């Protein structure tokens, strides 16, 4: 009796294919299933007996084989005209670190770093984002970058103004500033571009910036001072239709990390944190670029690994 030959790509007695690697990556990273529960799921549903170490090895292999694509996503963000950014804290090996997200309407680039300062940005964007208008909150590290310009997230400002309005109802400044920002957003949404009265908006804004406050509240005074400093970065969205007035997309790119922390706890190693960042970057890019879902037995992650190389090399 002759011996059969193993299929292409099978190098040992036990070999896991691309579908399984994609499924493990998807379940652990995007559905936040911890190693122990993922091990049970694979056994109960697919009758696959795997150790937690094997799951870890699969994620590391996916991370390593995706390194070129991950780097290409970073370079694509770097060359984009409008970029949003956000950051959030997470513990790695028991110490507080920060996950940063830089994204556009297509690519998403997420990475961990122990610094929340400019040094944490410079490691990945050493030249800054000189071709990009950056949409962020008022975290100082973003304003220390070399950029084409900034748009402050109005959603953050409106939340802060609502808080100050409730904190001191008798102070009219917070209420009037809130009305002005809400009105400018409404005009952007409902009026023709050429009919937006930008001069009137700036006139009201300038009057509020330098209005004498009838309050001793330090928080209201601090916000007024901050807006004086960043006054030319509040209404950029009224001059470029490609610039959003909020940073909600960046927040949505980084928010899954908080859910993963609630389900799985902290990252036990830097390697695991980095694997999460690589796989989540690719998965989020896939969602925005192709809006893919599960297709038959093949997870969209399998498709992205195969097709994203051409996307990241194209001018798009």
Protein backbone atom coordinates (compact mmCIF):
# COMPACT_ATOMS: atom_id res chain seq x y z
CA UNK A 1 0.00 0.00 0.00
CA UNK A 2 1.45 3.35 -1.06
CA UNK A 3 1.67 6.44 1.05
CA UNK A 4 -0.36 9.51 0.24
CA UNK A 5 1.18 12.96 0.08
CA UNK A 6 0.25 15.76 2.43
CA UNK A 7 -1.56 18.77 0.92
CA UNK A 8 0.49 21.84 0.08
CA UNK A 9 1.37 23.89 3.13
CA UNK A 10 1.13 20.99 5.59
CA UNK A 11 4.52 20.56 7.22
CA UNK A 12 3.85 18.27 10.17
CA UNK A 13 1.53 15.70 11.72
CA UNK A 14 -0.61 18.55 13.05
CA UNK A 15 -1.24 21.59 10.85
CA UNK A 16 -3.83 24.32 11.26
CA UNK A 17 -5.09 26.02 8.12
CA UNK A 18 -5.80 29.68 7.33
CA UNK A 19 -9.51 29.41 8.19
CA UNK A 20 -8.76 28.25 11.73
CA UNK A 21 -6.08 30.91 12.21
CA UNK A 22 -8.50 33.54 10.95
CA UNK A 23 -11.26 32.29 13.24
CA UNK A 24 -9.03 32.25 16.33
CA UNK A 25 -7.81 35.76 15.50
CA UNK A 26 -11.34 37.03 14.98
CA UNK A 27 -12.84 35.43 18.09
CA UNK A 28 -10.03 36.54 20.40
CA UNK A 29 -9.44 40.05 19.06
CA UNK A 30 -12.76 41.25 17.68
CA UNK A 31 -15.16 39.24 19.87
CA UNK A 32 -12.91 39.50 22.96
CA UNK A 33 -13.08 35.80 23.85
CA UNK A 34 -10.32 34.90 26.36
CA UNK A 35 -7.96 31.99 25.74
CA UNK A 36 -9.69 29.60 28.16
CA UNK A 37 -13.17 30.20 26.79
CA UNK A 38 -11.90 30.10 23.20
CA UNK A 39 -10.29 26.74 23.91
CA UNK A 40 -13.67 25.47 25.18
CA UNK A 41 -15.53 26.92 22.19
CA UNK A 42 -13.24 25.21 19.67
CA UNK A 43 -13.62 21.91 21.49
CA UNK A 44 -17.40 22.09 21.98
CA UNK A 45 -18.33 23.40 18.52
CA UNK A 46 -15.62 21.99 16.23
CA UNK A 47 -14.26 19.09 18.30
CA UNK A 48 -10.80 20.66 18.10
CA UNK A 49 -8.60 20.06 21.13
CA UNK A 50 -6.21 22.97 21.51
CA UNK A 51 -4.24 24.31 24.44
CA UNK A 52 -4.14 27.95 25.43
CA UNK A 53 -0.49 27.89 24.35
CA UNK A 54 -1.50 26.83 20.84
CA UNK A 55 -3.99 29.69 20.65
CA UNK A 56 -1.26 32.09 21.74
CA UNK A 57 1.08 30.68 19.08
CA UNK A 58 -1.58 31.11 16.39
CA UNK A 59 -2.06 34.77 17.32
CA UNK A 60 1.69 35.34 17.29
CA UNK A 61 1.98 33.72 13.87
CA UNK A 62 -0.79 35.92 12.49
CA UNK A 63 0.88 38.98 14.01
CA UNK A 64 4.26 38.09 12.46
CA UNK A 65 2.89 37.29 8.99
CA UNK A 66 0.90 40.56 9.05
CA UNK A 67 3.88 42.80 9.89
CA UNK A 68 4.29 44.17 6.35
CA UNK A 69 0.59 44.94 6.01
CA UNK A 70 0.51 46.57 9.45
CA UNK A 71 3.41 48.82 8.46
CA UNK A 72 1.76 49.62 5.13
CA UNK A 73 -1.40 50.71 6.98
CA UNK A 74 0.71 53.08 9.08
CA UNK A 75 2.25 54.60 5.96
CA UNK A 76 -1.19 54.95 4.36
CA UNK A 77 -2.43 56.87 7.41
CA UNK A 78 0.70 59.00 7.27
CA UNK A 79 -0.03 60.11 3.71
CA UNK A 80 -3.74 60.86 4.23
CA UNK A 81 -5.19 64.36 4.02
CA UNK A 82 -7.46 64.07 7.07
CA UNK A 83 -6.59 61.88 10.07
CA UNK A 84 -8.41 61.33 13.35
CA UNK A 85 -6.62 60.23 16.53
CA UNK A 86 -7.50 59.08 20.02
CA UNK A 87 -5.87 57.21 22.89
CA UNK A 88 -6.93 55.20 25.93
CA UNK A 89 -5.20 53.54 28.87
CA UNK A 90 -4.66 49.82 29.39
CA UNK A 91 -2.52 47.73 31.70
CA UNK A 92 0.20 45.56 30.21
CA UNK A 93 2.12 43.28 32.59
CA UNK A 94 0.54 45.20 35.46
CA UNK A 95 1.72 48.64 34.33
CA UNK A 96 -0.34 51.40 32.75
CA UNK A 97 0.26 51.85 29.03
CA UNK A 98 -1.60 53.67 26.28
CA UNK A 99 -3.16 52.42 23.08
CA UNK A 100 -3.13 55.00 20.31
CA UNK A 101 -5.43 54.97 17.28
CA UNK A 102 -4.72 56.97 14.12
CA UNK A 103 -7.33 56.44 11.42
CA UNK A 104 -8.99 57.79 8.28
CA UNK A 105 -12.16 56.80 6.43
CA UNK A 106 -10.35 53.61 5.33
CA UNK A 107 -7.18 52.54 7.24
CA UNK A 108 -6.97 52.20 11.03
CA UNK A 109 -3.61 52.00 12.80
CA UNK A 110 -3.58 51.05 16.50
CA UNK A 111 -0.48 50.54 18.63
CA UNK A 112 0.45 50.35 22.35
CA UNK A 113 3.08 52.48 24.06
CA UNK A 114 4.06 53.19 27.64
CA UNK A 115 3.97 56.94 26.99
CA UNK A 116 0.96 59.19 26.57
CA UNK A 117 3.23 62.04 25.50
CA UNK A 118 4.70 63.07 22.17
CA UNK A 119 7.43 60.45 22.51
CA UNK A 120 4.73 57.77 22.16
CA UNK A 121 3.70 59.32 18.84
CA UNK A 122 7.18 59.99 17.49
CA UNK A 123 8.12 56.30 17.60
CA UNK A 124 5.57 55.59 14.88
CA UNK A 125 5.30 58.98 13.16
CA UNK A 126 8.80 60.48 13.57
CA UNK A 127 8.08 63.19 10.99
CA UNK A 128 4.63 63.89 12.39
CA UNK A 129 1.74 64.14 9.92
CA UNK A 130 2.85 67.09 7.77
CA UNK A 131 0.31 66.34 5.01
CA UNK A 132 -2.65 65.76 7.32
CA UNK A 133 -5.23 67.85 9.11
CA UNK A 134 -5.56 66.13 12.49
CA UNK A 135 -8.95 65.75 14.21
CA UNK A 136 -8.60 65.18 17.97
CA UNK A 137 -9.56 66.28 21.44
CA UNK A 138 -7.40 68.91 23.15
CA UNK A 139 -4.75 66.50 24.48
CA UNK A 140 -1.53 68.52 24.25
CA UNK A 141 0.57 65.79 22.60
CA UNK A 142 -1.40 66.11 19.36
CA UNK A 143 -0.69 69.83 19.15
CA UNK A 144 3.04 69.21 19.53
CA UNK A 145 3.05 67.18 16.31
CA UNK A 146 4.01 68.57 12.96
CA UNK A 147 0.73 68.67 11.02
CA UNK A 148 -1.04 70.58 8.27
CA UNK A 149 -3.54 71.81 10.87
CA UNK A 150 -6.03 70.74 13.53
CA UNK A 151 -9.76 70.38 14.02
CA UNK A 152 -10.86 70.15 17.66
CA UNK A 153 -13.58 67.58 18.28
CA UNK A 154 -16.80 69.52 18.89
CA UNK A 155 -18.44 66.51 20.51
CA UNK A 156 -15.89 66.75 23.33
CA UNK A 157 -16.49 70.49 23.64
CA UNK A 158 -20.26 70.10 23.73
CA UNK A 159 -20.05 67.47 26.48
CA UNK A 160 -17.82 69.76 28.52
CA UNK A 161 -20.10 72.75 27.97
CA UNK A 162 -23.15 70.72 29.00
CA UNK A 163 -21.38 69.75 32.21
CA UNK A 164 -20.41 73.37 32.95
CA UNK A 165 -23.93 74.55 32.15
CA UNK A 166 -25.34 72.10 34.70
CA UNK A 167 -22.60 72.95 37.17
CA UNK A 168 -23.41 76.65 37.13
CA UNK A 169 -26.82 77.32 35.47
CA UNK A 170 -26.64 81.05 36.13
CA UNK A 171 -23.56 81.57 33.94
CA UNK A 172 -24.69 82.36 30.38
CA UNK A 173 -21.29 81.88 28.71
CA UNK A 174 -21.44 78.06 28.61
CA UNK A 175 -24.99 78.09 27.29
CA UNK A 176 -24.25 80.63 24.54
CA UNK A 177 -21.06 78.87 23.43
CA UNK A 178 -22.94 75.58 23.28
CA UNK A 179 -25.67 77.17 21.12
CA UNK A 180 -23.05 78.59 18.76
CA UNK A 181 -21.30 75.24 18.25
CA UNK A 182 -24.58 73.37 17.81
CA UNK A 183 -25.75 76.00 15.33
CA UNK A 184 -22.56 75.76 13.28
CA UNK A 185 -22.92 71.96 13.07
CA UNK A 186 -26.55 72.34 12.01
CA UNK A 187 -25.56 74.76 9.24
CA UNK A 188 -22.89 72.37 7.99
CA UNK A 189 -25.50 69.60 7.82
CA UNK A 190 -28.42 71.50 6.34
CA UNK A 191 -27.18 74.49 4.31
CA UNK A 192 -25.48 74.60 0.96
CA UNK A 193 -21.74 75.01 1.37
CA UNK A 194 -21.58 78.47 -0.20
CA UNK A 195 -24.48 79.78 1.91
CA UNK A 196 -22.89 79.14 5.34
CA UNK A 197 -22.40 82.52 7.04
CA UNK A 198 -18.89 81.95 8.38
CA UNK A 199 -18.27 85.62 9.18
CA UNK A 200 -21.26 85.78 11.51
CA UNK A 201 -20.21 82.55 13.25
CA UNK A 202 -16.68 83.87 13.82
CA UNK A 203 -17.99 87.22 15.04
CA UNK A 204 -20.15 85.54 17.71
CA UNK A 205 -17.31 83.18 18.60
CA UNK A 206 -14.80 86.00 19.06
CA UNK A 207 -17.24 87.95 21.23
CA UNK A 208 -17.66 84.92 23.50
CA UNK A 209 -13.93 84.24 23.64
CA UNK A 210 -13.15 87.65 25.07
CA UNK A 211 -16.34 88.16 27.05
CA UNK A 212 -15.87 89.12 30.70
CA UNK A 213 -17.14 86.17 32.70
CA UNK A 214 -19.48 86.75 35.61
CA UNK A 215 -18.22 83.71 37.48
CA UNK A 216 -15.48 82.55 39.81
CA UNK A 217 -15.65 78.98 38.48
CA UNK A 218 -12.12 77.95 37.51
CA UNK A 219 -13.34 75.26 35.09
CA UNK A 220 -15.32 77.73 32.99
CA UNK A 221 -12.38 80.15 32.98
CA UNK A 222 -10.01 77.34 31.97
CA UNK A 223 -12.19 76.34 29.02
CA UNK A 224 -12.44 79.95 27.84
CA UNK A 225 -8.66 80.27 28.05
CA UNK A 226 -8.17 77.00 26.15
CA UNK A 227 -10.52 78.11 23.37
CA UNK A 228 -8.67 81.41 23.04
CA UNK A 229 -5.48 79.38 22.52
CA UNK A 230 -7.09 77.01 20.00
CA UNK A 231 -9.60 79.43 18.50
CA UNK A 232 -8.48 78.93 14.89
CA UNK A 233 -8.87 75.14 15.25
CA UNK A 234 -12.57 75.04 16.14
CA UNK A 235 -14.25 75.74 12.80
CA UNK A 236 -11.95 74.12 10.24
CA UNK A 237 -14.85 71.86 9.28
CA UNK A 238 -16.64 74.90 7.84
CA UNK A 239 -13.87 75.41 5.27
CA UNK A 240 -13.21 71.84 4.12
CA UNK A 241 -16.06 69.40 3.42
CA UNK A 242 -13.69 66.47 4.05
CA UNK A 243 -13.05 67.53 7.66
CA UNK A 244 -15.50 66.16 10.24
CA UNK A 245 -16.63 68.24 13.22
CA UNK A 246 -16.15 65.40 15.69
CA UNK A 247 -13.73 62.57 16.39
CA UNK A 248 -16.30 59.85 16.97
CA UNK A 249 -14.84 57.47 14.37
CA UNK A 250 -11.49 57.45 16.18
CA UNK A 251 -13.26 56.77 19.48
CA UNK A 252 -15.09 53.84 17.89
CA UNK A 253 -11.76 52.48 16.61
CA UNK A 254 -10.27 52.40 20.12
CA UNK A 255 -13.40 51.57 22.14
CA UNK A 256 -13.27 47.76 21.53
CA UNK A 257 -10.13 47.71 23.68
CA UNK A 258 -12.16 48.77 26.72
CA UNK A 259 -14.67 45.99 26.07
CA UNK A 260 -11.85 43.47 25.72
CA UNK A 261 -10.46 44.62 29.07
CA UNK A 262 -13.84 44.14 30.74
CA UNK A 263 -14.15 40.62 29.34
CA UNK A 264 -10.55 39.40 29.43
CA UNK A 265 -8.82 41.65 31.94
CA UNK A 266 -5.38 43.11 31.36
CA UNK A 267 -2.72 42.08 28.86
CA UNK A 268 -0.17 39.79 30.48
CA UNK A 269 2.62 40.56 28.02
CA UNK A 270 3.75 43.21 25.55
CA UNK A 271 3.70 40.55 22.86
CA UNK A 272 0.01 39.89 23.44
CA UNK A 273 -0.80 43.61 23.42
CA UNK A 274 1.08 44.07 20.17
CA UNK A 275 -0.69 41.08 18.58
CA UNK A 276 -4.03 42.62 19.55
CA UNK A 277 -3.05 45.98 18.01
CA UNK A 278 -1.91 44.41 14.72
CA UNK A 279 -4.96 42.19 14.26
CA UNK A 280 -7.45 44.85 15.34
CA UNK A 281 -5.86 47.39 12.96
CA UNK A 282 -6.27 45.00 10.05
CA UNK A 283 -9.81 43.96 11.03
CA UNK A 284 -11.01 47.54 11.45
CA UNK A 285 -9.43 48.50 8.13
CA UNK A 286 -11.24 45.56 6.51
CA UNK A 287 -14.58 46.71 7.87
CA UNK A 288 -14.17 50.23 6.53
CA UNK A 289 -12.57 49.34 3.22
CA UNK A 290 -14.73 46.40 2.17
CA UNK A 291 -17.46 46.33 4.85
CA UNK A 292 -16.93 42.58 5.01
CA UNK A 293 -18.81 40.14 7.19
CA UNK A 294 -18.55 36.37 7.57
CA UNK A 295 -18.50 34.77 4.12
CA UNK A 296 -19.24 31.05 4.18
CA UNK A 297 -16.59 29.26 6.19
CA UNK A 298 -13.97 31.91 5.53
CA UNK A 299 -13.60 34.76 8.02
CA UNK A 300 -13.06 38.21 6.52
CA UNK A 301 -9.62 38.27 8.12
CA UNK A 302 -8.50 35.59 5.69
CA UNK A 303 -9.58 37.82 2.83
CA UNK A 304 -7.83 40.90 4.17
CA UNK A 305 -4.50 39.09 4.51
CA UNK A 306 -4.78 38.05 0.88
CA UNK A 307 -6.04 41.32 -0.61
CA UNK A 308 -4.87 44.17 1.64
CA UNK A 309 -1.35 44.14 0.17
CA UNK A 310 -2.64 45.45 -3.15
CA UNK A 311 -4.79 48.03 -1.38
CA UNK A 312 -1.92 49.44 0.66
CA UNK A 313 0.26 49.74 -2.45
CA UNK A 314 -2.40 51.43 -4.55
CA UNK A 315 -2.91 55.17 -4.79
CA UNK A 316 -6.60 54.62 -4.02
